[in-house]
mmCIF file of all heavy atoms, coordinates in Angstrom:
data_MODEL
# 
_entry.id   MODEL 
# 
loop_
_atom_site.group_PDB 
_atom_site.id 
_atom_site.type_symbol 
_atom_site.label_atom_id 
_atom_site.label_alt_id 
_atom_site.label_comp_id 
_atom_site.label_asym_id 
_atom_site.label_entity_id 
_atom_site.label_seq_id 
_atom_site.pdbx_PDB_ins_code 
_atom_site.Cartn_x 
_atom_site.Cartn_y 
_atom_site.Cartn_z 
_atom_site.occupancy 
_atom_site.B_iso_or_equiv 
_atom_site.pdbx_formal_charge 
_atom_site.auth_seq_id 
_atom_site.auth_comp_id 
_atom_site.auth_asym_id 
_atom_site.auth_atom_id 
_atom_site.pdbx_PDB_model_num 
ATOM 1   N N   . GLY A 1 1  ? 0.836   -1.268  0.008  1.00 0.00 ? 1  GLY A N   1 
ATOM 2   C CA  . GLY A 1 1  ? -0.001  -0.033  0.012  1.00 0.00 ? 1  GLY A CA  1 
ATOM 3   C C   . GLY A 1 1  ? 0.801   1.310   -0.034 1.00 0.00 ? 1  GLY A C   1 
ATOM 4   O O   . GLY A 1 1  ? 0.245   2.504   -0.203 1.00 0.00 ? 1  GLY A O   1 
ATOM 5   N N   . ASP A 1 2  ? 2.272   1.162   0.060  1.00 0.00 ? 2  ASP A N   1 
ATOM 6   C CA  . ASP A 1 2  ? 3.034   2.326   0.023  1.00 0.00 ? 2  ASP A CA  1 
ATOM 7   C C   . ASP A 1 2  ? 3.530   2.579   -1.389 1.00 0.00 ? 2  ASP A C   1 
ATOM 8   O O   . ASP A 1 2  ? 4.068   1.681   -2.090 1.00 0.00 ? 2  ASP A O   1 
ATOM 9   C CB  . ASP A 1 2  ? 4.249   1.964   0.907  1.00 0.00 ? 2  ASP A CB  1 
ATOM 10  C CG  . ASP A 1 2  ? 5.155   3.164   1.237  1.00 0.00 ? 2  ASP A CG  1 
ATOM 11  O OD1 . ASP A 1 2  ? 5.064   4.096   0.463  1.00 0.00 ? 2  ASP A OD1 1 
ATOM 12  O OD2 . ASP A 1 2  ? 5.946   3.204   2.046  1.00 0.00 ? 2  ASP A OD2 1 
ATOM 13  N N   . PRO A 1 3  ? 3.156   3.821   -1.863 1.00 0.00 ? 3  PRO A N   1 
ATOM 14  C CA  . PRO A 1 3  ? 3.581   4.055   -3.298 1.00 0.00 ? 3  PRO A CA  1 
ATOM 15  C C   . PRO A 1 3  ? 5.062   3.955   -3.417 1.00 0.00 ? 3  PRO A C   1 
ATOM 16  O O   . PRO A 1 3  ? 5.519   3.735   -4.650 1.00 0.00 ? 3  PRO A O   1 
ATOM 17  C CB  . PRO A 1 3  ? 3.032   5.580   -3.415 1.00 0.00 ? 3  PRO A CB  1 
ATOM 18  C CG  . PRO A 1 3  ? 1.914   5.720   -2.430 1.00 0.00 ? 3  PRO A CG  1 
ATOM 19  C CD  . PRO A 1 3  ? 2.345   4.893   -1.228 1.00 0.00 ? 3  PRO A CD  1 
ATOM 20  N N   . LYS A 1 4  ? 5.880   4.089   -2.549 1.00 0.00 ? 4  LYS A N   1 
ATOM 21  C CA  . LYS A 1 4  ? 7.287   4.012   -2.597 1.00 0.00 ? 4  LYS A CA  1 
ATOM 22  C C   . LYS A 1 4  ? 7.797   2.590   -2.518 1.00 0.00 ? 4  LYS A C   1 
ATOM 23  O O   . LYS A 1 4  ? 8.885   2.278   -2.917 1.00 0.00 ? 4  LYS A O   1 
ATOM 24  C CB  . LYS A 1 4  ? 7.935   4.874   -1.479 1.00 0.00 ? 4  LYS A CB  1 
ATOM 25  C CG  . LYS A 1 4  ? 7.744   6.334   -1.527 1.00 0.00 ? 4  LYS A CG  1 
ATOM 26  C CD  . LYS A 1 4  ? 8.471   7.016   -0.353 1.00 0.00 ? 4  LYS A CD  1 
ATOM 27  C CE  . LYS A 1 4  ? 8.221   8.544   -0.455 1.00 0.00 ? 4  LYS A CE  1 
ATOM 28  N NZ  . LYS A 1 4  ? 8.805   9.294   0.759  1.00 0.00 ? 4  LYS A NZ  1 
ATOM 29  N N   . ASN A 1 5  ? 6.890   1.690   -2.003 1.00 0.00 ? 5  ASN A N   1 
ATOM 30  C CA  . ASN A 1 5  ? 7.189   0.189   -2.063 1.00 0.00 ? 5  ASN A CA  1 
ATOM 31  C C   . ASN A 1 5  ? 5.864   -0.493  -2.273 1.00 0.00 ? 5  ASN A C   1 
ATOM 32  O O   . ASN A 1 5  ? 5.352   -1.026  -1.343 1.00 0.00 ? 5  ASN A O   1 
ATOM 33  C CB  . ASN A 1 5  ? 7.788   -0.055  -0.578 1.00 0.00 ? 5  ASN A CB  1 
ATOM 34  C CG  . ASN A 1 5  ? 8.212   -1.504  -0.495 1.00 0.00 ? 5  ASN A CG  1 
ATOM 35  O OD1 . ASN A 1 5  ? 8.438   -2.219  -1.658 1.00 0.00 ? 5  ASN A OD1 1 
ATOM 36  N ND2 . ASN A 1 5  ? 8.224   -2.136  0.629  1.00 0.00 ? 5  ASN A ND2 1 
ATOM 37  N N   . PRO A 1 6  ? 5.507   -0.573  -3.504 1.00 0.00 ? 6  PRO A N   1 
ATOM 38  C CA  . PRO A 1 6  ? 4.163   -1.167  -3.789 1.00 0.00 ? 6  PRO A CA  1 
ATOM 39  C C   . PRO A 1 6  ? 4.083   -2.776  -3.835 1.00 0.00 ? 6  PRO A C   1 
ATOM 40  O O   . PRO A 1 6  ? 3.048   -3.360  -4.052 1.00 0.00 ? 6  PRO A O   1 
ATOM 41  C CB  . PRO A 1 6  ? 3.862   -0.625  -5.185 1.00 0.00 ? 6  PRO A CB  1 
ATOM 42  C CG  . PRO A 1 6  ? 5.261   -0.413  -5.783 1.00 0.00 ? 6  PRO A CG  1 
ATOM 43  C CD  . PRO A 1 6  ? 6.097   -0.012  -4.740 1.00 0.00 ? 6  PRO A CD  1 
ATOM 44  N N   . GLU A 1 7  ? 5.283   -3.367  -3.609 1.00 0.00 ? 7  GLU A N   1 
ATOM 45  C CA  . GLU A 1 7  ? 5.260   -4.743  -3.586 1.00 0.00 ? 7  GLU A CA  1 
ATOM 46  C C   . GLU A 1 7  ? 4.492   -5.415  -2.538 1.00 0.00 ? 7  GLU A C   1 
ATOM 47  O O   . GLU A 1 7  ? 4.526   -4.857  -1.447 1.00 0.00 ? 7  GLU A O   1 
ATOM 48  C CB  . GLU A 1 7  ? 6.702   -5.253  -3.658 1.00 0.00 ? 7  GLU A CB  1 
ATOM 49  C CG  . GLU A 1 7  ? 7.587   -4.744  -4.798 1.00 0.00 ? 7  GLU A CG  1 
ATOM 50  C CD  . GLU A 1 7  ? 7.136   -5.390  -6.150 1.00 0.00 ? 7  GLU A CD  1 
ATOM 51  O OE1 . GLU A 1 7  ? 6.725   -6.558  -6.165 1.00 0.00 ? 7  GLU A OE1 1 
ATOM 52  O OE2 . GLU A 1 7  ? 7.261   -4.573  -7.146 1.00 0.00 ? 7  GLU A OE2 1 
ATOM 53  N N   . ASP A 1 8  ? 3.841   -6.447  -2.815 1.00 0.00 ? 8  ASP A N   1 
ATOM 54  C CA  . ASP A 1 8  ? 3.206   -7.261  -1.762 1.00 0.00 ? 8  ASP A CA  1 
ATOM 55  C C   . ASP A 1 8  ? 4.229   -7.722  -0.708 1.00 0.00 ? 8  ASP A C   1 
ATOM 56  O O   . ASP A 1 8  ? 5.286   -8.090  -1.138 1.00 0.00 ? 8  ASP A O   1 
ATOM 57  C CB  . ASP A 1 8  ? 2.417   -8.408  -2.429 1.00 0.00 ? 8  ASP A CB  1 
ATOM 58  C CG  . ASP A 1 8  ? 1.264   -8.005  -3.326 1.00 0.00 ? 8  ASP A CG  1 
ATOM 59  O OD1 . ASP A 1 8  ? 0.931   -6.825  -3.193 1.00 0.00 ? 8  ASP A OD1 1 
ATOM 60  O OD2 . ASP A 1 8  ? 0.804   -8.803  -4.142 1.00 0.00 ? 8  ASP A OD2 1 
ATOM 61  N N   . VAL A 1 9  ? 3.899   -7.922  0.327  1.00 0.00 ? 9  VAL A N   1 
ATOM 62  C CA  . VAL A 1 9  ? 4.750   -8.282  1.494  1.00 0.00 ? 9  VAL A CA  1 
ATOM 63  C C   . VAL A 1 9  ? 4.360   -9.616  2.102  1.00 0.00 ? 9  VAL A C   1 
ATOM 64  O O   . VAL A 1 9  ? 3.259   -9.840  2.596  1.00 0.00 ? 9  VAL A O   1 
ATOM 65  C CB  . VAL A 1 9  ? 4.755   -7.189  2.748  1.00 0.00 ? 9  VAL A CB  1 
ATOM 66  C CG1 . VAL A 1 9  ? 5.616   -7.633  3.822  1.00 0.00 ? 9  VAL A CG1 1 
ATOM 67  C CG2 . VAL A 1 9  ? 5.114   -5.943  2.098  1.00 0.00 ? 9  VAL A CG2 1 
ATOM 68  N N   . VAL A 1 10 ? 5.315   -10.625 2.076  1.00 0.00 ? 10 VAL A N   1 
ATOM 69  C CA  . VAL A 1 10 ? 5.060   -11.876 2.607  1.00 0.00 ? 10 VAL A CA  1 
ATOM 70  C C   . VAL A 1 10 ? 5.653   -11.876 4.109  1.00 0.00 ? 10 VAL A C   1 
ATOM 71  O O   . VAL A 1 10 ? 6.647   -11.499 4.344  1.00 0.00 ? 10 VAL A O   1 
ATOM 72  C CB  . VAL A 1 10 ? 5.959   -13.039 1.893  1.00 0.00 ? 10 VAL A CB  1 
ATOM 73  C CG1 . VAL A 1 10 ? 5.766   -14.361 2.470  1.00 0.00 ? 10 VAL A CG1 1 
ATOM 74  C CG2 . VAL A 1 10 ? 5.538   -12.985 0.414  1.00 0.00 ? 10 VAL A CG2 1 
ATOM 75  N N   . GLN A 1 11 ? 4.676   -12.341 5.042  1.00 0.00 ? 11 GLN A N   1 
ATOM 76  C CA  . GLN A 1 11 ? 5.145   -12.403 6.430  1.00 0.00 ? 11 GLN A CA  1 
ATOM 77  C C   . GLN A 1 11 ? 5.877   -13.470 6.827  1.00 0.00 ? 11 GLN A C   1 
ATOM 78  O O   . GLN A 1 11 ? 5.985   -14.429 6.219  1.00 0.00 ? 11 GLN A O   1 
ATOM 79  C CB  . GLN A 1 11 ? 3.803   -12.205 7.185  1.00 0.00 ? 11 GLN A CB  1 
ATOM 80  C CG  . GLN A 1 11 ? 3.071   -10.905 7.045  1.00 0.00 ? 11 GLN A CG  1 
ATOM 81  C CD  . GLN A 1 11 ? 3.793   -9.711  7.440  1.00 0.00 ? 11 GLN A CD  1 
ATOM 82  O OE1 . GLN A 1 11 ? 4.493   -9.653  8.469  1.00 0.00 ? 11 GLN A OE1 1 
ATOM 83  N NE2 . GLN A 1 11 ? 3.935   -8.785  6.565  1.00 0.00 ? 11 GLN A NE2 1 
ATOM 84  N N   . THR A 1 12 ? 6.588   -13.375 8.032  1.00 0.00 ? 12 THR A N   1 
ATOM 85  C CA  . THR A 1 12 ? 7.484   -14.477 8.520  1.00 0.00 ? 12 THR A CA  1 
ATOM 86  C C   . THR A 1 12 ? 6.717   -15.638 8.781  1.00 0.00 ? 12 THR A C   1 
ATOM 87  O O   . THR A 1 12 ? 5.570   -15.569 9.173  1.00 0.00 ? 12 THR A O   1 
ATOM 88  C CB  . THR A 1 12 ? 8.154   -13.882 9.880  1.00 0.00 ? 12 THR A CB  1 
ATOM 89  O OG1 . THR A 1 12 ? 8.897   -14.904 10.441 1.00 0.00 ? 12 THR A OG1 1 
ATOM 90  C CG2 . THR A 1 12 ? 7.090   -13.397 10.896 1.00 0.00 ? 12 THR A CG2 1 
ATOM 91  N N   . LYS A 1 13 ? 7.322   -16.830 8.708  1.00 0.00 ? 13 LYS A N   1 
ATOM 92  C CA  . LYS A 1 13 ? 6.732   -18.129 9.136  1.00 0.00 ? 13 LYS A CA  1 
ATOM 93  C C   . LYS A 1 13 ? 7.405   -18.639 10.293 1.00 0.00 ? 13 LYS A C   1 
ATOM 94  O O   . LYS A 1 13 ? 7.107   -19.773 10.705 1.00 0.00 ? 13 LYS A O   1 
ATOM 95  C CB  . LYS A 1 13 ? 6.991   -19.115 8.051  1.00 0.00 ? 13 LYS A CB  1 
ATOM 96  C CG  . LYS A 1 13 ? 6.135   -18.860 6.726  1.00 0.00 ? 13 LYS A CG  1 
ATOM 97  C CD  . LYS A 1 13 ? 6.357   -20.095 5.768  1.00 0.00 ? 13 LYS A CD  1 
ATOM 98  C CE  . LYS A 1 13 ? 5.532   -19.871 4.492  1.00 0.00 ? 13 LYS A CE  1 
ATOM 99  N NZ  . LYS A 1 13 ? 5.736   -20.974 3.550  1.00 0.00 ? 13 LYS A NZ  1 
ATOM 100 N N   . THR A 1 14 ? 8.207   -17.832 11.042 1.00 0.00 ? 14 THR A N   1 
ATOM 101 C CA  . THR A 1 14 ? 8.675   -18.205 12.428 1.00 0.00 ? 14 THR A CA  1 
ATOM 102 C C   . THR A 1 14 ? 7.594   -18.751 13.269 1.00 0.00 ? 14 THR A C   1 
ATOM 103 O O   . THR A 1 14 ? 6.647   -18.049 13.506 1.00 0.00 ? 14 THR A O   1 
ATOM 104 C CB  . THR A 1 14 ? 9.515   -17.033 13.044 1.00 0.00 ? 14 THR A CB  1 
ATOM 105 O OG1 . THR A 1 14 ? 10.495  -16.589 12.027 1.00 0.00 ? 14 THR A OG1 1 
ATOM 106 C CG2 . THR A 1 14 ? 10.164  -17.612 14.171 1.00 0.00 ? 14 THR A CG2 1 
ATOM 107 N N   . ARG A 1 15 ? 7.818   -19.862 13.793 1.00 0.00 ? 15 ARG A N   1 
ATOM 108 C CA  . ARG A 1 15 ? 6.917   -20.544 14.717 1.00 0.00 ? 15 ARG A CA  1 
ATOM 109 C C   . ARG A 1 15 ? 6.760   -19.535 15.969 1.00 0.00 ? 15 ARG A C   1 
ATOM 110 O O   . ARG A 1 15 ? 7.736   -19.182 16.540 1.00 0.00 ? 15 ARG A O   1 
ATOM 111 C CB  . ARG A 1 15 ? 7.267   -21.898 15.141 1.00 0.00 ? 15 ARG A CB  1 
ATOM 112 C CG  . ARG A 1 15 ? 6.285   -22.710 15.745 1.00 0.00 ? 15 ARG A CG  1 
ATOM 113 C CD  . ARG A 1 15 ? 6.690   -24.100 16.065 1.00 0.00 ? 15 ARG A CD  1 
ATOM 114 N NE  . ARG A 1 15 ? 5.556   -25.059 16.120 1.00 0.00 ? 15 ARG A NE  1 
ATOM 115 C CZ  . ARG A 1 15 ? 5.613   -26.277 16.273 1.00 0.00 ? 15 ARG A CZ  1 
ATOM 116 N NH1 . ARG A 1 15 ? 6.851   -26.992 16.421 1.00 0.00 ? 15 ARG A NH1 1 
ATOM 117 N NH2 . ARG A 1 15 ? 4.504   -27.070 16.444 1.00 0.00 ? 15 ARG A NH2 1 
ATOM 118 N N   . GLY A 1 16 ? 5.512   -19.265 16.261 1.00 0.00 ? 16 GLY A N   1 
ATOM 119 C CA  . GLY A 1 16 ? 5.245   -18.538 17.569 1.00 0.00 ? 16 GLY A CA  1 
ATOM 120 C C   . GLY A 1 16 ? 5.146   -17.018 17.186 1.00 0.00 ? 16 GLY A C   1 
ATOM 121 O O   . GLY A 1 16 ? 4.911   -16.128 18.066 1.00 0.00 ? 16 GLY A O   1 
ATOM 122 N N   . SER A 1 17 ? 5.373   -16.585 15.932 1.00 0.00 ? 17 SER A N   1 
ATOM 123 C CA  . SER A 1 17 ? 5.301   -15.219 15.525 1.00 0.00 ? 17 SER A CA  1 
ATOM 124 C C   . SER A 1 17 ? 3.854   -14.802 15.466 1.00 0.00 ? 17 SER A C   1 
ATOM 125 O O   . SER A 1 17 ? 2.933   -15.556 15.184 1.00 0.00 ? 17 SER A O   1 
ATOM 126 C CB  . SER A 1 17 ? 5.930   -15.000 14.231 1.00 0.00 ? 17 SER A CB  1 
ATOM 127 O OG  . SER A 1 17 ? 5.332   -15.642 13.163 1.00 0.00 ? 17 SER A OG  1 
ATOM 128 N N   . LEU A 1 18 ? 3.550   -13.567 15.926 1.00 0.00 ? 18 LEU A N   1 
ATOM 129 C CA  . LEU A 1 18 ? 2.209   -12.990 15.895 1.00 0.00 ? 18 LEU A CA  1 
ATOM 130 C C   . LEU A 1 18 ? 2.110   -11.797 15.053 1.00 0.00 ? 18 LEU A C   1 
ATOM 131 O O   . LEU A 1 18 ? 2.951   -10.822 15.136 1.00 0.00 ? 18 LEU A O   1 
ATOM 132 C CB  . LEU A 1 18 ? 1.945   -12.600 17.265 1.00 0.00 ? 18 LEU A CB  1 
ATOM 133 C CG  . LEU A 1 18 ? 0.520   -11.972 17.561 1.00 0.00 ? 18 LEU A CG  1 
ATOM 134 C CD1 . LEU A 1 18 ? -0.684  -13.085 17.303 1.00 0.00 ? 18 LEU A CD1 1 
ATOM 135 C CD2 . LEU A 1 18 ? 0.324   -11.409 18.910 1.00 0.00 ? 18 LEU A CD2 1 
ATOM 136 N N   . ILE A 1 19 ? 1.287   -11.911 13.889 1.00 0.00 ? 19 ILE A N   1 
ATOM 137 C CA  . ILE A 1 19 ? 1.216   -10.799 12.914 1.00 0.00 ? 19 ILE A CA  1 
ATOM 138 C C   . ILE A 1 19 ? -0.168  -10.113 13.534 1.00 0.00 ? 19 ILE A C   1 
ATOM 139 O O   . ILE A 1 19 ? -1.213  -10.725 13.534 1.00 0.00 ? 19 ILE A O   1 
ATOM 140 C CB  . ILE A 1 19 ? 0.885   -11.281 11.598 1.00 0.00 ? 19 ILE A CB  1 
ATOM 141 C CG1 . ILE A 1 19 ? 2.085   -12.343 11.221 1.00 0.00 ? 19 ILE A CG1 1 
ATOM 142 C CG2 . ILE A 1 19 ? 0.947   -10.143 10.610 1.00 0.00 ? 19 ILE A CG2 1 
ATOM 143 C CD1 . ILE A 1 19 ? 3.438   -11.798 11.354 1.00 0.00 ? 19 ILE A CD1 1 
ATOM 144 N N   . VAL A 1 20 ? -0.112  -8.775  13.658 1.00 0.00 ? 20 VAL A N   1 
ATOM 145 C CA  . VAL A 1 20 ? -1.147  -7.932  14.080 1.00 0.00 ? 20 VAL A CA  1 
ATOM 146 C C   . VAL A 1 20 ? -1.290  -6.833  13.049 1.00 0.00 ? 20 VAL A C   1 
ATOM 147 O O   . VAL A 1 20 ? -0.312  -6.112  12.781 1.00 0.00 ? 20 VAL A O   1 
ATOM 148 C CB  . VAL A 1 20 ? -0.954  -7.326  15.529 1.00 0.00 ? 20 VAL A CB  1 
ATOM 149 C CG1 . VAL A 1 20 ? -2.200  -6.490  15.950 1.00 0.00 ? 20 VAL A CG1 1 
ATOM 150 C CG2 . VAL A 1 20 ? -0.625  -8.399  16.646 1.00 0.00 ? 20 VAL A CG2 1 
ATOM 151 N N   . PHE A 1 21 ? -2.537  -6.580  12.591 1.00 0.00 ? 21 PHE A N   1 
ATOM 152 C CA  . PHE A 1 21 ? -2.737  -5.636  11.554 1.00 0.00 ? 21 PHE A CA  1 
ATOM 153 C C   . PHE A 1 21 ? -4.213  -5.021  11.525 1.00 0.00 ? 21 PHE A C   1 
ATOM 154 O O   . PHE A 1 21 ? -5.076  -5.586  12.133 1.00 0.00 ? 21 PHE A O   1 
ATOM 155 C CB  . PHE A 1 21 ? -2.515  -6.404  10.189 1.00 0.00 ? 21 PHE A CB  1 
ATOM 156 C CG  . PHE A 1 21 ? -3.345  -7.641  9.928  1.00 0.00 ? 21 PHE A CG  1 
ATOM 157 C CD1 . PHE A 1 21 ? -4.482  -7.545  9.146  1.00 0.00 ? 21 PHE A CD1 1 
ATOM 158 C CD2 . PHE A 1 21 ? -2.915  -8.826  10.423 1.00 0.00 ? 21 PHE A CD2 1 
ATOM 159 C CE1 . PHE A 1 21 ? -5.192  -8.578  8.925  1.00 0.00 ? 21 PHE A CE1 1 
ATOM 160 C CE2 . PHE A 1 21 ? -3.658  -9.951  10.171 1.00 0.00 ? 21 PHE A CE2 1 
ATOM 161 C CZ  . PHE A 1 21 ? -4.828  -9.858  9.361  1.00 0.00 ? 21 PHE A CZ  1 
ATOM 162 N N   . ASP A 1 22 ? -4.237  -3.865  10.907 1.00 0.00 ? 22 ASP A N   1 
ATOM 163 C CA  . ASP A 1 22 ? -5.565  -3.196  10.856 1.00 0.00 ? 22 ASP A CA  1 
ATOM 164 C C   . ASP A 1 22 ? -6.454  -4.084  9.870  1.00 0.00 ? 22 ASP A C   1 
ATOM 165 O O   . ASP A 1 22 ? -6.125  -4.714  8.965  1.00 0.00 ? 22 ASP A O   1 
ATOM 166 C CB  . ASP A 1 22 ? -5.284  -1.786  10.070 1.00 0.00 ? 22 ASP A CB  1 
ATOM 167 C CG  . ASP A 1 22 ? -6.517  -0.963  10.035 1.00 0.00 ? 22 ASP A CG  1 
ATOM 168 O OD1 . ASP A 1 22 ? -7.570  -1.436  9.497  1.00 0.00 ? 22 ASP A OD1 1 
ATOM 169 O OD2 . ASP A 1 22 ? -6.401  0.193   10.414 1.00 0.00 ? 22 ASP A OD2 1 
ATOM 170 N N   . SER A 1 23 ? -7.651  -4.293  10.472 1.00 0.00 ? 23 SER A N   1 
ATOM 171 C CA  . SER A 1 23 ? -8.633  -5.274  9.784  1.00 0.00 ? 23 SER A CA  1 
ATOM 172 C C   . SER A 1 23 ? -9.038  -4.774  8.387  1.00 0.00 ? 23 SER A C   1 
ATOM 173 O O   . SER A 1 23 ? -9.707  -5.637  7.715  1.00 0.00 ? 23 SER A O   1 
ATOM 174 C CB  . SER A 1 23 ? -9.834  -5.454  10.740 1.00 0.00 ? 23 SER A CB  1 
ATOM 175 O OG  . SER A 1 23 ? -9.495  -6.050  12.003 1.00 0.00 ? 23 SER A OG  1 
ATOM 176 N N   . ARG A 1 24 ? -8.822  -3.592  8.055  1.00 0.00 ? 24 ARG A N   1 
ATOM 177 C CA  . ARG A 1 24 ? -9.090  -3.103  6.747  1.00 0.00 ? 24 ARG A CA  1 
ATOM 178 C C   . ARG A 1 24 ? -7.962  -3.531  5.620  1.00 0.00 ? 24 ARG A C   1 
ATOM 179 O O   . ARG A 1 24 ? -8.117  -3.145  4.577  1.00 0.00 ? 24 ARG A O   1 
ATOM 180 C CB  . ARG A 1 24 ? -9.318  -1.536  6.695  1.00 0.00 ? 24 ARG A CB  1 
ATOM 181 C CG  . ARG A 1 24 ? -10.376 -1.135  7.722  1.00 0.00 ? 24 ARG A CG  1 
ATOM 182 C CD  . ARG A 1 24 ? -10.417 0.402   7.907  1.00 0.00 ? 24 ARG A CD  1 
ATOM 183 N NE  . ARG A 1 24 ? -9.304  0.741   8.726  1.00 0.00 ? 24 ARG A NE  1 
ATOM 184 C CZ  . ARG A 1 24 ? -9.081  2.018   9.012  1.00 0.00 ? 24 ARG A CZ  1 
ATOM 185 N NH1 . ARG A 1 24 ? -9.907  3.001   8.804  1.00 0.00 ? 24 ARG A NH1 1 
ATOM 186 N NH2 . ARG A 1 24 ? -8.080  2.349   9.851  1.00 0.00 ? 24 ARG A NH2 1 
ATOM 187 N N   . GLN A 1 25 ? -6.895  -3.996  6.162  1.00 0.00 ? 25 GLN A N   1 
ATOM 188 C CA  . GLN A 1 25 ? -5.790  -4.257  5.293  1.00 0.00 ? 25 GLN A CA  1 
ATOM 189 C C   . GLN A 1 25 ? -5.997  -5.528  4.541  1.00 0.00 ? 25 GLN A C   1 
ATOM 190 O O   . GLN A 1 25 ? -6.399  -6.578  4.947  1.00 0.00 ? 25 GLN A O   1 
ATOM 191 C CB  . GLN A 1 25 ? -4.490  -4.571  6.242  1.00 0.00 ? 25 GLN A CB  1 
ATOM 192 C CG  . GLN A 1 25 ? -3.168  -4.833  5.506  1.00 0.00 ? 25 GLN A CG  1 
ATOM 193 C CD  . GLN A 1 25 ? -2.689  -3.635  4.683  1.00 0.00 ? 25 GLN A CD  1 
ATOM 194 O OE1 . GLN A 1 25 ? -2.748  -2.507  5.284  1.00 0.00 ? 25 GLN A OE1 1 
ATOM 195 N NE2 . GLN A 1 25 ? -2.146  -3.820  3.558  1.00 0.00 ? 25 GLN A NE2 1 
# 
């Protein structure tokens, strides 16, 4: 969503990692 970095972002697969994000994302 960043015009300066429009690439899709793959999140970490590290076990136990917690991804928190705006529900509109």
